[in-house]
Amino acid sequence: MPLEIFQVSQMRDFASEKRSNAVYFHYPYEELDDIKLRVPSGYKVESMPKPQKVDLGAVSYEITATAQGDTVEMKRHLAEKGLVFSRENYAVLRSFFGTVKTYDNAQMVLQNAPAAKNN
């Protein structure tokens, strides 16, 4: 089951590999998400993405997923604290948002509960 709940709108801004000018954000921002998903009846969580944390100072990201009973809770924190990033820092910024997209697109595996008993 894809956990593509989170949308990283910045990735379209970092499509190009090279940059001629500085990167300008209109304002610093933070995204804090806390989402609970209920696993369908008859299924159990087989595996979930591992917690991830990336902190580069001016930008940071953390995501965790925990399961308790038939509920999966996902917590995500994305912070962009700067306004202007030089073009020399573009590759690092592009890589950071690529990492965010990768972790945001992680998958959770569900297994039919009766099938799990036979394993």
PDB file of N, CA and C in Angstrom:
ATOM      1  N   MET A   1       0.851  -1.167   0.000  1.00  0.00           N
ATOM      2  CA  MET A   1       0.000   0.000   0.000  1.00  0.00           C
ATOM      3  C   MET A   1       0.898   1.230   0.000  1.00  0.00           C
ATOM      4  N   PRO A   2       0.805   2.052  -1.036  1.00  0.00           N
ATOM      5  CA  PRO A   2       1.638   3.266  -1.048  1.00  0.00           C
ATOM      6  C   PRO A   2       1.149   4.255  -0.005  1.00  0.00           C
ATOM      7  N   LEU A   3       2.079   4.878   0.661  1.00  0.00           N
ATOM      8  CA  LEU A   3       1.744   5.892   1.669  1.00  0.00           C
ATOM      9  C   LEU A   3       1.930   7.283   1.083  1.00  0.00           C
ATOM     10  N   GLU A   4       1.461   7.481  -0.126  1.00  0.00           N
ATOM     11  CA  GLU A   4       1.638   8.758  -0.814  1.00  0.00           C
ATOM     12  C   GLU A   4       0.615   9.778  -0.337  1.00  0.00           C
ATOM     13  N   ILE A   5       0.509   9.902   0.957  1.00  0.00           N
ATOM     14  CA  ILE A   5      -0.399  10.862   1.566  1.00  0.00           C
ATOM     15  C   ILE A   5       0.176  12.260   1.428  1.00  0.00           C
ATOM     16  N   PHE A   6       1.482  12.348   1.493  1.00  0.00           N
ATOM     17  CA  PHE A   6       2.158  13.642   1.506  1.00  0.00           C
ATOM     18  C   PHE A   6       2.548  14.042   0.091  1.00  0.00           C
ATOM     19  N   GLN A   7       2.340  15.282  -0.229  1.00  0.00           N
ATOM     20  CA  GLN A   7       2.685  15.813  -1.537  1.00  0.00           C
ATOM     21  C   GLN A   7       3.856  16.774  -1.390  1.00  0.00           C
ATOM     22  N   VAL A   8       4.905  16.526  -2.141  1.00  0.00           N
ATOM     23  CA  VAL A   8       6.063  17.418  -2.092  1.00  0.00           C
ATOM     24  C   VAL A   8       5.994  18.319  -3.321  1.00  0.00           C
ATOM     25  N   SER A   9       5.385  19.472  -3.153  1.00  0.00           N
ATOM     26  CA  SER A   9       5.200  20.391  -4.278  1.00  0.00           C
ATOM     27  C   SER A   9       6.522  20.994  -4.749  1.00  0.00           C
ATOM     28  N   GLN A  10       7.517  21.029  -3.879  1.00  0.00           N
ATOM     29  CA  GLN A  10       8.793  21.642  -4.240  1.00  0.00           C
ATOM     30  C   GLN A  10       9.548  20.854  -5.311  1.00  0.00           C
ATOM     31  N   MET A  11       9.250  19.565  -5.476  1.00  0.00           N
ATOM     32  CA  MET A  11      10.045  18.757  -6.395  1.00  0.00           C
ATOM     33  C   MET A  11       9.966  19.267  -7.826  1.00  0.00           C
ATOM     34  N   ARG A  12       8.843  19.802  -8.243  1.00  0.00           N
ATOM     35  CA  ARG A  12       8.779  20.331  -9.612  1.00  0.00           C
ATOM     36  C   ARG A  12       9.711  21.538  -9.756  1.00  0.00           C
ATOM     37  N   ASP A  13       9.974  22.230  -8.653  1.00  0.00           N
ATOM     38  CA  ASP A  13      10.888  23.373  -8.688  1.00  0.00           C
ATOM     39  C   ASP A  13      12.345  22.927  -8.815  1.00  0.00           C
ATOM     40  N   PHE A  14      12.630  21.679  -8.509  1.00  0.00           N
ATOM     41  CA  PHE A  14      14.003  21.173  -8.537  1.00  0.00           C
ATOM     42  C   PHE A  14      14.200  20.115  -9.613  1.00  0.00           C
ATOM     43  N   ALA A  15      13.426  20.193 -10.678  1.00  0.00           N
ATOM     44  CA  ALA A  15      13.511  19.206 -11.755  1.00  0.00           C
ATOM     45  C   ALA A  15      14.841  19.315 -12.515  1.00  0.00           C
ATOM     46  N   SER A  16      15.315  20.523 -12.705  1.00  0.00           N
ATOM     47  CA  SER A  16      16.554  20.741 -13.449  1.00  0.00           C
ATOM     48  C   SER A  16      17.767  20.367 -12.598  1.00  0.00           C
ATOM     49  N   GLU A  17      18.761  19.766 -13.242  1.00  0.00           N
ATOM     50  CA  GLU A  17      19.979  19.386 -12.513  1.00  0.00           C
ATOM     51  C   GLU A  17      20.868  20.582 -12.216  1.00  0.00           C
ATOM     52  N   LYS A  18      20.793  21.617 -13.033  1.00  0.00           N
ATOM     53  CA  LYS A  18      21.663  22.782 -12.865  1.00  0.00           C
ATOM     54  C   LYS A  18      20.823  24.023 -12.613  1.00  0.00           C
ATOM     55  N   ARG A  19      21.443  24.983 -11.970  1.00  0.00           N
ATOM     56  CA  ARG A  19      20.760  26.224 -11.617  1.00  0.00           C
ATOM     57  C   ARG A  19      21.684  27.399 -11.924  1.00  0.00           C
ATOM     58  N   SER A  20      21.134  28.453 -12.539  1.00  0.00           N
ATOM     59  CA  SER A  20      21.921  29.641 -12.864  1.00  0.00           C
ATOM     60  C   SER A  20      21.823  30.722 -11.804  1.00  0.00           C
ATOM     61  N   ASN A  21      20.693  30.751 -11.084  1.00  0.00           N
ATOM     62  CA  ASN A  21      20.449  31.807 -10.102  1.00  0.00           C
ATOM     63  C   ASN A  21      20.244  31.208  -8.710  1.00  0.00           C
ATOM     64  N   ALA A  22      20.231  32.083  -7.730  1.00  0.00           N
ATOM     65  CA  ALA A  22      19.963  31.654  -6.354  1.00  0.00           C
ATOM     66  C   ALA A  22      18.530  31.125  -6.257  1.00  0.00           C
ATOM     67  N   VAL A  23      18.285  30.310  -5.245  1.00  0.00           N
ATOM     68  CA  VAL A  23      16.946  29.791  -4.972  1.00  0.00           C
ATOM     69  C   VAL A  23      16.331  30.703  -3.918  1.00  0.00           C
ATOM     70  N   TYR A  24      15.124  31.182  -4.196  1.00  0.00           N
ATOM     71  CA  TYR A  24      14.458  32.101  -3.288  1.00  0.00           C
ATOM     72  C   TYR A  24      13.133  31.497  -2.844  1.00  0.00           C
ATOM     73  N   PHE A  25      12.923  31.400  -1.543  1.00  0.00           N
ATOM     74  CA  PHE A  25      11.641  31.000  -0.974  1.00  0.00           C
ATOM     75  C   PHE A  25      10.976  32.273  -0.456  1.00  0.00           C
ATOM     76  N   HIS A  26       9.688  32.406  -0.647  1.00  0.00           N
ATOM     77  CA  HIS A  26       8.973  33.620  -0.236  1.00  0.00           C
ATOM     78  C   HIS A  26       8.966  33.795   1.282  1.00  0.00           C
ATOM     79  N   TYR A  27       8.994  32.685   2.006  1.00  0.00           N
ATOM     80  CA  TYR A  27       8.973  32.738   3.467  1.00  0.00           C
ATOM     81  C   TYR A  27       9.420  31.383   4.014  1.00  0.00           C
ATOM     82  N   PRO A  28       9.968  31.353   5.216  1.00  0.00           N
ATOM     83  CA  PRO A  28      10.273  30.067   5.852  1.00  0.00           C
ATOM     84  C   PRO A  28       8.947  29.378   6.195  1.00  0.00           C
ATOM     85  N   TYR A  29       8.956  28.066   6.252  1.00  0.00           N
ATOM     86  CA  TYR A  29       7.723  27.348   6.577  1.00  0.00           C
ATOM     87  C   TYR A  29       8.029  26.010   7.243  1.00  0.00           C
ATOM     88  N   GLU A  30       7.005  25.482   7.880  1.00  0.00           N
ATOM     89  CA  GLU A  30       7.064  24.147   8.475  1.00  0.00           C
ATOM     90  C   GLU A  30       5.785  23.417   8.127  1.00  0.00           C
ATOM     91  N   GLU A  31       5.915  22.125   7.902  1.00  0.00           N
ATOM     92  CA  GLU A  31       4.760  21.257   7.707  1.00  0.00           C
ATOM     93  C   GLU A  31       4.810  20.198   8.795  1.00  0.00           C
ATOM     94  N   LEU A  32       3.775  20.138   9.599  1.00  0.00           N
ATOM     95  CA  LEU A  32       3.656  19.134  10.662  1.00  0.00           C
ATOM     96  C   LEU A  32       2.421  18.302  10.371  1.00  0.00           C
ATOM     97  N   ASP A  33       2.608  17.010  10.180  1.00  0.00           N
ATOM     98  CA  ASP A  33       1.500  16.107   9.884  1.00  0.00           C
ATOM     99  C   ASP A  33       1.466  14.992  10.912  1.00  0.00           C
ATOM    100  N   ASP A  34       0.281  14.628  11.328  1.00  0.00           N
ATOM    101  CA  ASP A  34       0.064  13.495  12.225  1.00  0.00           C
ATOM    102  C   ASP A  34      -1.207  12.808  11.725  1.00  0.00           C
ATOM    103  N   ILE A  35      -1.033  11.695  11.040  1.00  0.00           N
ATOM    104  CA  ILE A  35      -2.140  11.018  10.373  1.00  0.00           C
ATOM    105  C   ILE A  35      -2.291   9.608  10.920  1.00  0.00           C
ATOM    106  N   LYS A  36      -3.526   9.220  11.167  1.00  0.00           N
ATOM    107  CA  LYS A  36      -3.817   7.861  11.621  1.00  0.00           C
ATOM    108  C   LYS A  36      -4.630   7.150  10.558  1.00  0.00           C
ATOM    109  N   LEU A  37      -4.172   5.950  10.202  1.00  0.00           N
ATOM    110  CA  LEU A  37      -4.855   5.118   9.218  1.00  0.00           C
ATOM    111  C   LEU A  37      -5.353   3.857   9.901  1.00  0.00           C
ATOM    112  N   ARG A  38      -6.533   3.436   9.578  1.00  0.00           N
ATOM    113  CA  ARG A  38      -7.067   2.195  10.123  1.00  0.00           C
ATOM    114  C   ARG A  38      -6.854   1.092   9.098  1.00  0.00           C
ATOM    115  N   VAL A  39      -6.244  -0.001   9.545  1.00  0.00           N
ATOM    116  CA  VAL A  39      -6.003  -1.154   8.679  1.00  0.00           C
ATOM    117  C   VAL A  39      -7.342  -1.847   8.436  1.00  0.00           C
ATOM    118  N   PRO A  40      -7.639  -2.220   7.177  1.00  0.00           N
ATOM    119  CA  PRO A  40      -8.919  -2.881   6.887  1.00  0.00           C
ATOM    120  C   PRO A  40      -9.082  -4.173   7.690  1.00  0.00           C
ATOM    121  N   SER A  41     -10.321  -4.480   8.013  1.00  0.00           N
ATOM    122  CA  SER A  41     -10.636  -5.707   8.745  1.00  0.00           C
ATOM    123  C   SER A  41     -10.114  -6.918   7.978  1.00  0.00           C
ATOM    124  N   GLY A  42      -9.505  -7.847   8.690  1.00  0.00           N
ATOM    125  CA  GLY A  42      -8.973  -9.048   8.055  1.00  0.00           C
ATOM    126  C   GLY A  42      -7.537  -8.916   7.592  1.00  0.00           C
ATOM    127  N   TYR A  43      -6.912  -7.752   7.812  1.00  0.00           N
ATOM    128  CA  TYR A  43      -5.520  -7.530   7.415  1.00  0.00           C
ATOM    129  C   TYR A  43      -4.697  -7.117   8.620  1.00  0.00           C
ATOM    130  N   LYS A  44      -3.388  -7.326   8.505  1.00  0.00           N
ATOM    131  CA  LYS A  44      -2.466  -6.849   9.516  1.00  0.00           C
ATOM    132  C   LYS A  44      -1.269  -6.236   8.823  1.00  0.00           C
ATOM    133  N   VAL A  45      -0.571  -5.380   9.533  1.00  0.00           N
ATOM    134  CA  VAL A  45       0.619  -4.724   8.981  1.00  0.00           C
ATOM    135  C   VAL A  45       1.768  -5.714   9.027  1.00  0.00           C
ATOM    136  N   GLU A  46       2.338  -5.991   7.862  1.00  0.00           N
ATOM    137  CA  GLU A  46       3.498  -6.879   7.786  1.00  0.00           C
ATOM    138  C   GLU A  46       4.794  -6.095   7.914  1.00  0.00           C
ATOM    139  N   SER A  47       4.869  -4.955   7.241  1.00  0.00           N
ATOM    140  CA  SER A  47       6.065  -4.114   7.356  1.00  0.00           C
ATOM    141  C   SER A  47       5.704  -2.660   7.071  1.00  0.00           C
ATOM    142  N   MET A  48       6.498  -1.782   7.677  1.00  0.00           N
ATOM    143  CA  MET A  48       6.320  -0.343   7.507  1.00  0.00           C
ATOM    144  C   MET A  48       7.673   0.294   7.237  1.00  0.00           C
ATOM    145  N   PRO A  49       7.650   1.497   6.677  1.00  0.00           N
ATOM    146  CA  PRO A  49       8.910   2.206   6.455  1.00  0.00           C
ATOM    147  C   PRO A  49       9.620   2.483   7.783  1.00  0.00           C
ATOM    148  N   LYS A  50      10.932   2.463   7.731  1.00  0.00           N
ATOM    149  CA  LYS A  50      11.727   2.786   8.921  1.00  0.00           C
ATOM    150  C   LYS A  50      11.721   4.297   9.136  1.00  0.00           C
ATOM    151  N   PRO A  51      11.860   4.726  10.382  1.00  0.00           N
ATOM    152  CA  PRO A  51      11.935   6.170  10.652  1.00  0.00           C
ATOM    153  C   PRO A  51      13.128   6.785   9.918  1.00  0.00           C
ATOM    154  N   GLN A  52      12.950   7.998   9.450  1.00  0.00           N
ATOM    155  CA  GLN A  52      13.994   8.701   8.721  1.00  0.00           C
ATOM    156  C   GLN A  52      14.127  10.112   9.271  1.00  0.00           C
ATOM    157  N   LYS A  53      15.365  10.599   9.301  1.00  0.00           N
ATOM    158  CA  LYS A  53      15.612  11.967   9.756  1.00  0.00           C
ATOM    159  C   LYS A  53      16.782  12.547   8.969  1.00  0.00           C
ATOM    160  N   VAL A  54      16.562  13.743   8.435  1.00  0.00           N
ATOM    161  CA  VAL A  54      17.602  14.469   7.710  1.00  0.00           C
ATOM    162  C   VAL A  54      17.578  15.902   8.233  1.00  0.00           C
ATOM    163  N   ASP A  55      18.696  16.369   8.762  1.00  0.00           N
ATOM    164  CA  ASP A  55      18.757  17.733   9.284  1.00  0.00           C
ATOM    165  C   ASP A  55      19.996  18.412   8.723  1.00  0.00           C
ATOM    166  N   LEU A  56      19.762  19.363   7.830  1.00  0.00           N
ATOM    167  CA  LEU A  56      20.870  20.111   7.224  1.00  0.00           C
ATOM    168  C   LEU A  56      20.958  21.529   7.778  1.00  0.00           C
ATOM    169  N   GLY A  57      20.263  21.778   8.863  1.00  0.00           N
ATOM    170  CA  GLY A  57      20.267  23.111   9.463  1.00  0.00           C
ATOM    171  C   GLY A  57      19.189  23.995   8.864  1.00  0.00           C
ATOM    172  N   ALA A  58      19.380  24.457   7.643  1.00  0.00           N
ATOM    173  CA  ALA A  58      18.411  25.347   6.998  1.00  0.00           C
ATOM    174  C   ALA A  58      17.173  24.598   6.527  1.00  0.00           C
ATOM    175  N   VAL A  59      17.301  23.306   6.308  1.00  0.00           N
ATOM    176  CA  VAL A  59      16.171  22.447   5.939  1.00  0.00           C
ATOM    177  C   VAL A  59      16.271  21.165   6.751  1.00  0.00           C
ATOM    178  N   SER A  60      15.123  20.670   7.195  1.00  0.00           N
ATOM    179  CA  SER A  60      15.126  19.415   7.948  1.00  0.00           C
ATOM    180  C   SER A  60      13.842  18.644   7.667  1.00  0.00           C
ATOM    181  N   TYR A  61      13.917  17.335   7.911  1.00  0.00           N
ATOM    182  CA  TYR A  61      12.799  16.441   7.605  1.00  0.00           C
ATOM    183  C   TYR A  61      12.867  15.249   8.538  1.00  0.00           C
ATOM    184  N   GLU A  62      11.715  14.848   9.038  1.00  0.00           N
ATOM    185  CA  GLU A  62      11.632  13.644   9.872  1.00  0.00           C
ATOM    186  C   GLU A  62      10.286  12.982   9.622  1.00  0.00           C
ATOM    187  N   ILE A  63      10.312  11.648   9.497  1.00  0.00           N
ATOM    188  CA  ILE A  63       9.072  10.901   9.302  1.00  0.00           C
ATOM    189  C   ILE A  63       9.155   9.591  10.082  1.00  0.00           C
ATOM    190  N   THR A  64       8.050   9.232  10.742  1.00  0.00           N
ATOM    191  CA  THR A  64       7.967   7.967  11.476  1.00  0.00           C
ATOM    192  C   THR A  64       6.611   7.342  11.214  1.00  0.00           C
ATOM    193  N   ALA A  65       6.571   6.023  11.301  1.00  0.00           N
ATOM    194  CA  ALA A  65       5.315   5.277  11.189  1.00  0.00           C
ATOM    195  C   ALA A  65       5.323   4.214  12.287  1.00  0.00           C
ATOM    196  N   THR A  66       4.248   4.163  13.055  1.00  0.00           N
ATOM    197  CA  THR A  66       4.124   3.169  14.114  1.00  0.00           C
ATOM    198  C   THR A  66       2.759   2.501  14.002  1.00  0.00           C
ATOM    199  N   ALA A  67       2.723   1.225  14.357  1.00  0.00           N
ATOM    200  CA  ALA A  67       1.472   0.475  14.319  1.00  0.00           C
ATOM    201  C   ALA A  67       1.106   0.046  15.730  1.00  0.00           C
ATOM    202  N   GLN A  68      -0.173   0.184  16.034  1.00  0.00           N
ATOM    203  CA  GLN A  68      -0.682  -0.282  17.315  1.00  0.00           C
ATOM    204  C   GLN A  68      -2.088  -0.819  17.045  1.00  0.00           C
ATOM    205  N   GLY A  69      -2.232  -2.145  17.205  1.00  0.00           N
ATOM    206  CA  GLY A  69      -3.511  -2.769  16.893  1.00  0.00           C
ATOM    207  C   GLY A  69      -3.818  -2.623  15.412  1.00  0.00           C
ATOM    208  N   ASP A  70      -5.002  -2.109  15.090  1.00  0.00           N
ATOM    209  CA  ASP A  70      -5.387  -1.938  13.684  1.00  0.00           C
ATOM    210  C   ASP A  70      -5.184  -0.496  13.197  1.00  0.00           C
ATOM    211  N   THR A  71      -4.353   0.263  13.912  1.00  0.00           N
ATOM    212  CA  THR A  71      -4.113   1.665  13.560  1.00  0.00           C
ATOM    213  C   THR A  71      -2.632   1.902  13.272  1.00  0.00           C
ATOM    214  N   VAL A  72      -2.382   2.619  12.205  1.00  0.00           N
ATOM    215  CA  VAL A  72      -1.025   3.046  11.857  1.00  0.00           C
ATOM    216  C   VAL A  72      -1.004   4.562  11.967  1.00  0.00           C
ATOM    217  N   GLU A  73      -0.025   5.075  12.718  1.00  0.00           N
ATOM    218  CA  GLU A  73       0.116   6.517  12.870  1.00  0.00           C
ATOM    219  C   GLU A  73       1.393   6.969  12.177  1.00  0.00           C
ATOM    220  N   MET A  74       1.248   7.965  11.315  1.00  0.00           N
ATOM    221  CA  MET A  74       2.393   8.531  10.609  1.00  0.00           C
ATOM    222  C   MET A  74       2.573   9.969  11.058  1.00  0.00           C
ATOM    223  N   LYS A  75       3.804  10.291  11.448  1.00  0.00           N
ATOM    224  CA  LYS A  75       4.149  11.657  11.840  1.00  0.00           C
ATOM    225  C   LYS A  75       5.240  12.149  10.903  1.00  0.00           C
ATOM    226  N   ARG A  76       5.074  13.382  10.458  1.00  0.00           N
ATOM    227  CA  ARG A  76       6.014  13.959   9.498  1.00  0.00           C
ATOM    228  C   ARG A  76       6.255  15.413   9.863  1.00  0.00           C
ATOM    229  N   HIS A  77       7.521  15.818   9.750  1.00  0.00           N
ATOM    230  CA  HIS A  77       7.894  17.210  10.036  1.00  0.00           C
ATOM    231  C   HIS A  77       8.891  17.647   8.967  1.00  0.00           C
ATOM    232  N   LEU A  78       8.501  18.638   8.189  1.00  0.00           N
ATOM    233  CA  LEU A  78       9.356  19.221   7.166  1.00  0.00           C
ATOM    234  C   LEU A  78       9.511  20.699   7.495  1.00  0.00           C
ATOM    235  N   ALA A  79      10.740  21.173   7.575  1.00  0.00           N
ATOM    236  CA  ALA A  79      10.989  22.583   7.891  1.00  0.00           C
ATOM    237  C   ALA A  79      11.972  23.172   6.886  1.00  0.00           C
ATOM    238  N   GLU A  80      11.615  24.324   6.360  1.00  0.00           N
ATOM    239  CA  GLU A  80      12.479  25.085   5.467  1.00  0.00           C
ATOM    240  C   GLU A  80      12.640  26.440   6.148  1.00  0.00           C
ATOM    241  N   LYS A  81      13.860  26.700   6.663  1.00  0.00           N
ATOM    242  CA  LYS A  81      14.069  27.864   7.531  1.00  0.00           C
ATOM    243  C   LYS A  81      14.732  29.057   6.835  1.00  0.00           C
ATOM    244  N   GLY A  82      15.192  28.855   5.612  1.00  0.00           N
ATOM    245  CA  GLY A  82      15.905  29.922   4.924  1.00  0.00           C
ATOM    246  C   GLY A  82      15.052  30.631   3.887  1.00  0.00           C
ATOM    247  N   LEU A  83      15.540  31.740   3.404  1.00  0.00           N
ATOM    248  CA  LEU A  83      14.858  32.475   2.338  1.00  0.00           C
ATOM    249  C   LEU A  83      15.614  32.393   1.018  1.00  0.00           C
ATOM    250  N   VAL A  84      16.926  32.569   1.088  1.00  0.00           N
ATOM    251  CA  VAL A  84      17.735  32.581  -0.125  1.00  0.00           C
ATOM    252  C   VAL A  84      18.865  31.570   0.014  1.00  0.00           C
ATOM    253  N   PHE A  85      19.019  30.739  -1.017  1.00  0.00           N
ATOM    254  CA  PHE A  85      20.095  29.751  -1.077  1.00  0.00           C
ATOM    255  C   PHE A  85      20.892  30.014  -2.349  1.00  0.00           C
ATOM    256  N   SER A  86      22.203  30.119  -2.219  1.00  0.00           N
ATOM    257  CA  SER A  86      23.041  30.399  -3.386  1.00  0.00           C
ATOM    258  C   SER A  86      22.942  29.260  -4.392  1.00  0.00           C
ATOM    259  N   ARG A  87      23.274  29.569  -5.632  1.00  0.00           N
ATOM    260  CA  ARG A  87      23.192  28.520  -6.658  1.00  0.00           C
ATOM    261  C   ARG A  87      24.203  27.406  -6.380  1.00  0.00           C
ATOM    262  N   GLU A  88      25.264  27.727  -5.624  1.00  0.00           N
ATOM    263  CA  GLU A  88      26.242  26.690  -5.253  1.00  0.00           C
ATOM    264  C   GLU A  88      25.606  25.657  -4.306  1.00  0.00           C
ATOM    265  N   ASN A  89      24.586  26.053  -3.581  1.00  0.00           N
ATOM    266  CA  ASN A  89      23.889  25.135  -2.672  1.00  0.00           C
ATOM    267  C   ASN A  89      22.708  24.425  -3.330  1.00  0.00           C
ATOM    268  N   TYR A  90      22.477  24.698  -4.606  1.00  0.00           N
ATOM    269  CA  TYR A  90      21.324  24.119  -5.302  1.00  0.00           C
ATOM    270  C   TYR A  90      21.361  22.588  -5.305  1.00  0.00           C
ATOM    271  N   ALA A  91      22.511  21.997  -5.579  1.00  0.00           N
ATOM    272  CA  ALA A  91      22.591  20.529  -5.642  1.00  0.00           C
ATOM    273  C   ALA A  91      22.213  19.892  -4.308  1.00  0.00           C
ATOM    274  N   VAL A  92      22.642  20.491  -3.202  1.00  0.00           N
ATOM    275  CA  VAL A  92      22.307  19.967  -1.873  1.00  0.00           C
ATOM    276  C   VAL A  92      20.810  20.106  -1.611  1.00  0.00           C
ATOM    277  N   LEU A  93      20.248  21.246  -1.967  1.00  0.00           N
ATOM    278  CA  LEU A  93      18.817  21.488  -1.777  1.00  0.00           C
ATOM    279  C   LEU A  93      17.989  20.540  -2.648  1.00  0.00           C
ATOM    280  N   ARG A  94      18.416  20.373  -3.886  1.00  0.00           N
ATOM    281  CA  ARG A  94      17.718  19.452  -4.804  1.00  0.00           C
ATOM    282  C   ARG A  94      17.777  18.029  -4.267  1.00  0.00           C
ATOM    283  N   SER A  95      18.926  17.609  -3.788  1.00  0.00           N
ATOM    284  CA  SER A  95      19.080  16.272  -3.218  1.00  0.00           C
ATOM    285  C   SER A  95      18.196  16.097  -1.983  1.00  0.00           C
ATOM    286  N   PHE A  96      18.140  17.130  -1.133  1.00  0.00           N
ATOM    287  CA  PHE A  96      17.314  17.076   0.062  1.00  0.00           C
ATOM    288  C   PHE A  96      15.854  16.828  -0.301  1.00  0.00           C
ATOM    289  N   PHE A  97      15.299  17.626  -1.224  1.00  0.00           N
ATOM    290  CA  PHE A  97      13.897  17.458  -1.583  1.00  0.00           C
ATOM    291  C   PHE A  97      13.655  16.149  -2.338  1.00  0.00           C
ATOM    292  N   GLY A  98      14.675  15.640  -3.019  1.00  0.00           N
ATOM    293  CA  GLY A  98      14.568  14.305  -3.623  1.00  0.00           C
ATOM    294  C   GLY A  98      14.464  13.231  -2.550  1.00  0.00           C
ATOM    295  N   THR A  99      15.237  13.386  -1.469  1.00  0.00           N
ATOM    296  CA  THR A  99      15.179  12.456  -0.343  1.00  0.00           C
ATOM    297  C   THR A  99      13.812  12.515   0.329  1.00  0.00           C
ATOM    298  N   VAL A 100      13.288  13.720   0.506  1.00  0.00           N
ATOM    299  CA  VAL A 100      11.951  13.880   1.094  1.00  0.00           C
ATOM    300  C   VAL A 100      10.921  13.141   0.244  1.00  0.00           C
ATOM    301  N   LYS A 101      10.989  13.313  -1.060  1.00  0.00           N
ATOM    302  CA  LYS A 101      10.031  12.639  -1.946  1.00  0.00           C
ATOM    303  C   LYS A 101      10.159  11.122  -1.828  1.00  0.00           C
ATOM    304  N   THR A 102      11.371  10.613  -1.774  1.00  0.00           N
ATOM    305  CA  THR A 102      11.586   9.167  -1.642  1.00  0.00           C
ATOM    306  C   THR A 102      10.955   8.638  -0.366  1.00  0.00           C
ATOM    307  N   TYR A 103      11.212   9.289   0.759  1.00  0.00           N
ATOM    308  CA  TYR A 103      10.659   8.828   2.036  1.00  0.00           C
ATOM    309  C   TYR A 103       9.141   9.029   2.103  1.00  0.00           C
ATOM    310  N   ASP A 104       8.641  10.097   1.500  1.00  0.00           N
ATOM    311  CA  ASP A 104       7.195  10.319   1.475  1.00  0.00           C
ATOM    312  C   ASP A 104       6.472   9.262   0.639  1.00  0.00           C
ATOM    313  N   ASN A 105       7.161   8.676  -0.320  1.00  0.00           N
ATOM    314  CA  ASN A 105       6.561   7.667  -1.188  1.00  0.00           C
ATOM    315  C   ASN A 105       6.809   6.240  -0.700  1.00  0.00           C
ATOM    316  N   ALA A 106       7.240   6.094   0.533  1.00  0.00           N
ATOM    317  CA  ALA A 106       7.504   4.759   1.091  1.00  0.00           C
ATOM    318  C   ALA A 106       6.217   3.935   1.094  1.00  0.00           C
ATOM    319  N   GLN A 107       6.384   2.637   1.242  1.00  0.00           N
ATOM    320  CA  GLN A 107       5.233   1.745   1.201  1.00  0.00           C
ATOM    321  C   GLN A 107       5.077   0.959   2.493  1.00  0.00           C
ATOM    322  N   MET A 108       3.831   0.684   2.810  1.00  0.00           N
ATOM    323  CA  MET A 108       3.482  -0.173   3.942  1.00  0.00           C
ATOM    324  C   MET A 108       2.912  -1.450   3.331  1.00  0.00           C
ATOM    325  N   VAL A 109       3.330  -2.593   3.858  1.00  0.00           N
ATOM    326  CA  VAL A 109       2.853  -3.878   3.343  1.00  0.00           C
ATOM    327  C   VAL A 109       1.822  -4.441   4.304  1.00  0.00           C
ATOM    328  N   LEU A 110       0.651  -4.754   3.757  1.00  0.00           N
ATOM    329  CA  LEU A 110      -0.412  -5.392   4.534  1.00  0.00           C
ATOM    330  C   LEU A 110      -0.507  -6.855   4.122  1.00  0.00           C
ATOM    331  N   GLN A 111      -0.857  -7.684   5.060  1.00  0.00           N
ATOM    332  CA  GLN A 111      -1.026  -9.101   4.767  1.00  0.00           C
ATOM    333  C   GLN A 111      -2.394  -9.535   5.287  1.00  0.00           C
ATOM    334  N   ASN A 112      -3.039 -10.379   4.495  1.00  0.00           N
ATOM    335  CA  ASN A 112      -4.313 -10.947   4.923  1.00  0.00           C
ATOM    336  C   ASN A 112      -4.081 -11.711   6.210  1.00  0.00           C
ATOM    337  N   ALA A 113      -4.807 -11.387   7.275  1.00  0.00           N
ATOM    338  CA  ALA A 113      -4.575 -11.981   8.591  1.00  0.00           C
ATOM    339  C   ALA A 113      -4.651 -13.505   8.586  1.00  0.00           C
ATOM    340  N   PRO A 114      -5.621 -14.147   7.916  1.00  0.00           N
ATOM    341  CA  PRO A 114      -5.622 -15.622   7.866  1.00  0.00           C
ATOM    342  C   PRO A 114      -4.384 -16.193   7.183  1.00  0.00           C
ATOM    343  N   ALA A 115      -3.898 -15.522   6.132  1.00  0.00           N
ATOM    344  CA  ALA A 115      -2.691 -15.991   5.453  1.00  0.00           C
ATOM    345  C   ALA A 115      -1.495 -15.870   6.369  1.00  0.00           C
ATOM    346  N   ALA A 116      -1.462 -14.844   7.208  1.00  0.00           N
ATOM    347  CA  ALA A 116      -0.344 -14.651   8.131  1.00  0.00           C
ATOM    348  C   ALA A 116      -0.270 -15.789   9.139  1.00  0.00           C
ATOM    349  N   LYS A 117      -1.401 -16.332   9.550  1.00  0.00           N
ATOM    350  CA  LYS A 117      -1.410 -17.437  10.516  1.00  0.00           C
ATOM    351  C   LYS A 117      -0.801 -18.699   9.923  1.00  0.00           C
ATOM    352  N   ASN A 118      -0.894 -18.865   8.608  1.00  0.00           N
ATOM    353  CA  ASN A 118      -0.351 -20.056   7.946  1.00  0.00           C
ATOM    354  C   ASN A 118       1.133 -19.974   7.692  1.00  0.00           C
ATOM    355  N   ASN A 119       1.738 -18.809   7.850  1.00  0.00           N
ATOM    356  CA  ASN A 119       3.177 -18.646   7.605  1.00  0.00           C
ATOM    357  C   ASN A 119       3.989 -19.056   8.795  1.00  0.00           C
TER     358      ASN A 119
END
